[in-house]
Protein backbone atom coordinates (compact mmCIF):
# COMPACT_ATOMS: atom_id res chain seq x y z
CA UNK A 1 -0.32 0.10 0.14
CA UNK A 2 0.95 3.31 -0.94
CA UNK A 3 0.50 6.17 1.87
CA UNK A 4 2.33 8.82 0.22
CA UNK A 5 3.90 9.71 -2.59
CA UNK A 6 5.12 13.24 -4.18
CA UNK A 7 8.05 12.32 -6.66
CA UNK A 8 10.49 13.15 -3.87
CA UNK A 9 9.18 10.83 -0.90
CA UNK A 10 7.24 7.18 -1.12
CA UNK A 11 5.76 6.26 2.00
CA UNK A 12 4.67 2.49 1.56
CA UNK A 13 4.27 -0.64 3.12
CA UNK A 14 7.30 -2.30 4.44
CA UNK A 15 8.02 -5.40 1.74
CA UNK A 16 10.14 -8.70 1.68
CA UNK A 17 13.09 -6.60 -0.47
CA UNK A 18 13.49 -3.89 2.37
CA UNK A 19 15.13 -5.99 5.74
CA UNK A 20 18.67 -6.73 3.41
CA UNK A 21 18.79 -3.19 2.32
CA UNK A 22 18.14 -1.41 5.82
CA UNK A 23 20.14 -4.27 8.00
CA UNK A 24 23.00 -3.42 5.40
CA UNK A 25 22.62 0.34 5.71
CA UNK A 26 22.28 0.21 9.27
CA UNK A 27 25.34 -1.95 9.26
CA UNK A 28 27.36 0.23 7.13
CA UNK A 29 26.73 3.05 9.50
CA UNK A 30 27.88 1.20 12.46
CA UNK A 31 24.90 0.24 14.18
CA UNK A 32 24.24 -3.49 15.46
CA UNK A 33 21.63 -4.56 12.87
CA UNK A 34 20.24 -7.73 11.36
CA UNK A 35 17.59 -8.63 8.99
CA UNK A 36 15.58 -10.51 11.46
CA UNK A 37 14.09 -7.50 13.19
CA UNK A 38 12.58 -6.67 10.12
CA UNK A 39 11.38 -10.22 9.31
CA UNK A 40 9.72 -10.20 12.40
CA UNK A 41 7.90 -7.18 11.52
CA UNK A 42 6.74 -8.52 8.31
CA UNK A 43 5.73 -11.92 10.32
CA UNK A 44 3.83 -9.91 12.45
CA UNK A 45 2.09 -7.99 9.64
CA UNK A 46 1.19 -11.43 8.15
CA UNK A 47 -0.46 -12.42 11.40
CA UNK A 48 -2.40 -8.98 11.70
CA UNK A 49 -0.30 -7.65 14.58
CA UNK A 50 1.64 -5.10 12.81
CA UNK A 51 1.69 -2.32 10.17
CA UNK A 52 5.45 -1.74 9.06
CA UNK A 53 5.96 1.16 6.92
CA UNK A 54 9.19 2.15 4.68
CA UNK A 55 10.23 5.37 3.27
CA UNK A 56 12.24 6.09 0.31
CA UNK A 57 13.66 9.46 -0.55
CA UNK A 58 14.21 9.48 -4.47
CA UNK A 59 13.91 6.08 -4.64
CA UNK A 60 16.67 4.74 -2.06
CA UNK A 61 15.16 3.41 1.09
CA UNK A 62 15.39 5.96 3.59
CA UNK A 63 13.57 4.92 7.13
CA UNK A 64 10.90 2.70 8.60
CA UNK A 65 8.54 2.76 11.56
CA UNK A 66 6.06 -0.04 12.60
CA UNK A 67 2.82 0.61 14.22
CA UNK A 68 1.01 -1.93 16.70
CA UNK A 69 -2.66 -1.31 16.80
CA UNK A 70 -3.33 -3.26 19.79
CA UNK A 71 0.06 -3.35 21.66
CA UNK A 72 0.44 -5.93 24.65
CA UNK A 73 3.47 -4.39 26.18
CA UNK A 74 4.39 -1.44 27.72
CA UNK A 75 3.07 1.34 29.64
CA UNK A 76 -0.47 1.23 27.78
CA UNK A 77 0.07 -2.48 26.71
CA UNK A 78 -3.44 -4.30 26.95
CA UNK A 79 -5.34 -0.79 26.94
CA UNK A 80 -6.25 -0.96 23.28
CA UNK A 81 -3.96 1.79 22.27
CA UNK A 82 -1.79 1.66 19.12
CA UNK A 83 2.12 1.47 19.82
CA UNK A 84 4.69 3.18 17.42
CA UNK A 85 7.68 0.51 17.63
CA UNK A 86 10.99 0.67 15.80
CA UNK A 87 11.52 4.04 14.36
CA UNK A 88 14.62 4.80 12.27
CA UNK A 89 15.79 7.11 9.69
CA UNK A 90 19.29 5.96 8.18
CA UNK A 91 21.74 9.04 8.88
CA UNK A 92 22.53 10.20 5.41
CA UNK A 93 18.88 10.92 5.06
CA UNK A 94 17.98 12.83 8.49
CA UNK A 95 17.10 16.34 8.28
CA UNK A 96 15.37 15.96 4.93
CA UNK A 97 11.64 15.45 6.15
CA UNK A 98 11.80 11.77 6.15
CA UNK A 99 11.16 11.23 9.98
CA UNK A 100 8.30 13.71 9.79
CA UNK A 101 6.71 11.87 6.89
CA UNK A 102 7.03 8.60 8.60
CA UNK A 103 5.62 9.73 11.70
CA UNK A 104 2.60 11.56 10.36
CA UNK A 105 1.81 8.24 8.31
CA UNK A 106 2.02 6.33 11.62
CA UNK A 107 -0.34 8.62 13.38
CA UNK A 108 -2.80 8.59 10.90
CA UNK A 109 -2.72 4.75 10.87
CA UNK A 110 -2.98 4.96 14.90
CA UNK A 111 -6.01 7.14 14.64
CA UNK A 112 -7.96 4.69 13.02
CA UNK A 113 -7.89 2.40 15.59
CA UNK A 114 -7.66 5.18 18.86
CA UNK A 115 -7.72 8.61 19.88
CA UNK A 116 -4.30 7.83 21.55
CA UNK A 117 -0.78 6.51 20.59
CA UNK A 118 2.19 5.69 22.38
CA UNK A 119 5.68 5.01 22.17
CA UNK A 120 8.98 3.88 24.07
CA UNK A 121 11.99 6.28 23.31
CA UNK A 122 15.47 5.10 24.60
CA UNK A 123 17.34 7.66 26.99
CA UNK A 124 20.75 7.40 25.69
CA UNK A 125 22.19 10.25 23.67
CA UNK A 126 21.82 7.96 20.79
CA UNK A 127 17.96 8.89 20.87
CA UNK A 128 18.57 12.48 21.21
CA UNK A 129 17.15 13.64 18.18
CA UNK A 130 14.10 11.16 18.35
CA UNK A 131 13.59 12.55 22.10
CA UNK A 132 13.34 16.31 20.53
CA UNK A 133 11.20 15.37 17.68
CA UNK A 134 8.83 13.89 20.30
CA UNK A 135 8.29 16.21 22.15
CA UNK A 136 7.59 18.67 19.23
CA UNK A 137 5.07 16.62 17.94
CA UNK A 138 3.37 16.84 21.56
CA UNK A 139 4.31 13.51 23.18
CA UNK A 140 4.31 13.41 26.87
CA UNK A 141 5.80 11.05 29.13
CA UNK A 142 2.88 8.80 30.69
CA UNK A 143 4.19 9.28 34.46
CA UNK A 144 5.06 5.64 35.01
CA UNK A 145 8.62 6.50 35.11
CA UNK A 146 11.95 4.90 33.26
CA UNK A 147 11.20 1.02 31.99
CA UNK A 148 13.88 -1.43 31.77
CA UNK A 149 13.33 -4.27 29.19
CA UNK A 150 9.45 -5.05 29.91
CA UNK A 151 9.06 -3.85 33.47
CA UNK A 152 9.33 -0.59 35.36
CA UNK A 153 12.98 -0.03 36.67
CA UNK A 154 12.16 0.67 40.41
CA UNK A 155 13.07 3.98 42.33
CA UNK A 156 16.99 3.49 43.23
CA UNK A 157 17.43 0.39 41.21
CA UNK A 158 20.49 0.10 39.23
CA UNK A 159 20.19 0.07 35.49
CA UNK A 160 21.97 -0.09 32.24
CA UNK A 161 22.05 2.67 29.88
CA UNK A 162 21.50 0.72 26.59
CA UNK A 163 18.23 0.37 24.12
CA UNK A 164 16.29 -1.14 26.67
CA UNK A 165 16.48 1.73 29.09
CA UNK A 166 13.19 3.73 27.95
CA UNK A 167 10.51 6.44 28.76
CA UNK A 168 7.16 5.84 27.23
CA UNK A 169 5.10 9.01 25.87
CA UNK A 170 1.94 9.36 24.46
CA UNK A 171 0.01 11.34 22.62
CA UNK A 172 -3.90 12.02 22.20
CA UNK A 173 -4.54 11.98 18.30
CA UNK A 174 -8.03 13.48 18.46
């Protein structure tokens, strides 16, 4: 499915050829990436759990985002709210509007299921641009505190500032 197209950007459903390209591009920029996470999203799509979206800029794959319409984990898990999961824009395509367009589409998809959408954002500096983007788009912390993995990290507990340390944010869509 094509969600947006204007000659510069193409925002569409992720397809079977995307995992190899995205994983290779992420590894080339120094990220620890494999095709497995993308294949998992495609599997979840086939099972009706996920809507994986890919972005192209001038015909080159530039980024991706996933919407789980009825997410079962995280701060709002099991409450019927969609979660935006695993949002990425390749570094060479940043600051060109790709992330904004992906978020616009993800929020449009989420609005078909609920008036609220949520996401978890990492807390280390690698997530700095995403943190700023979410605040600018109106996302606010849910108030449950920091999560590590799939659980709230208790007050004063030791934790590791890796990709599993997250803060959940939500946004009213309607």
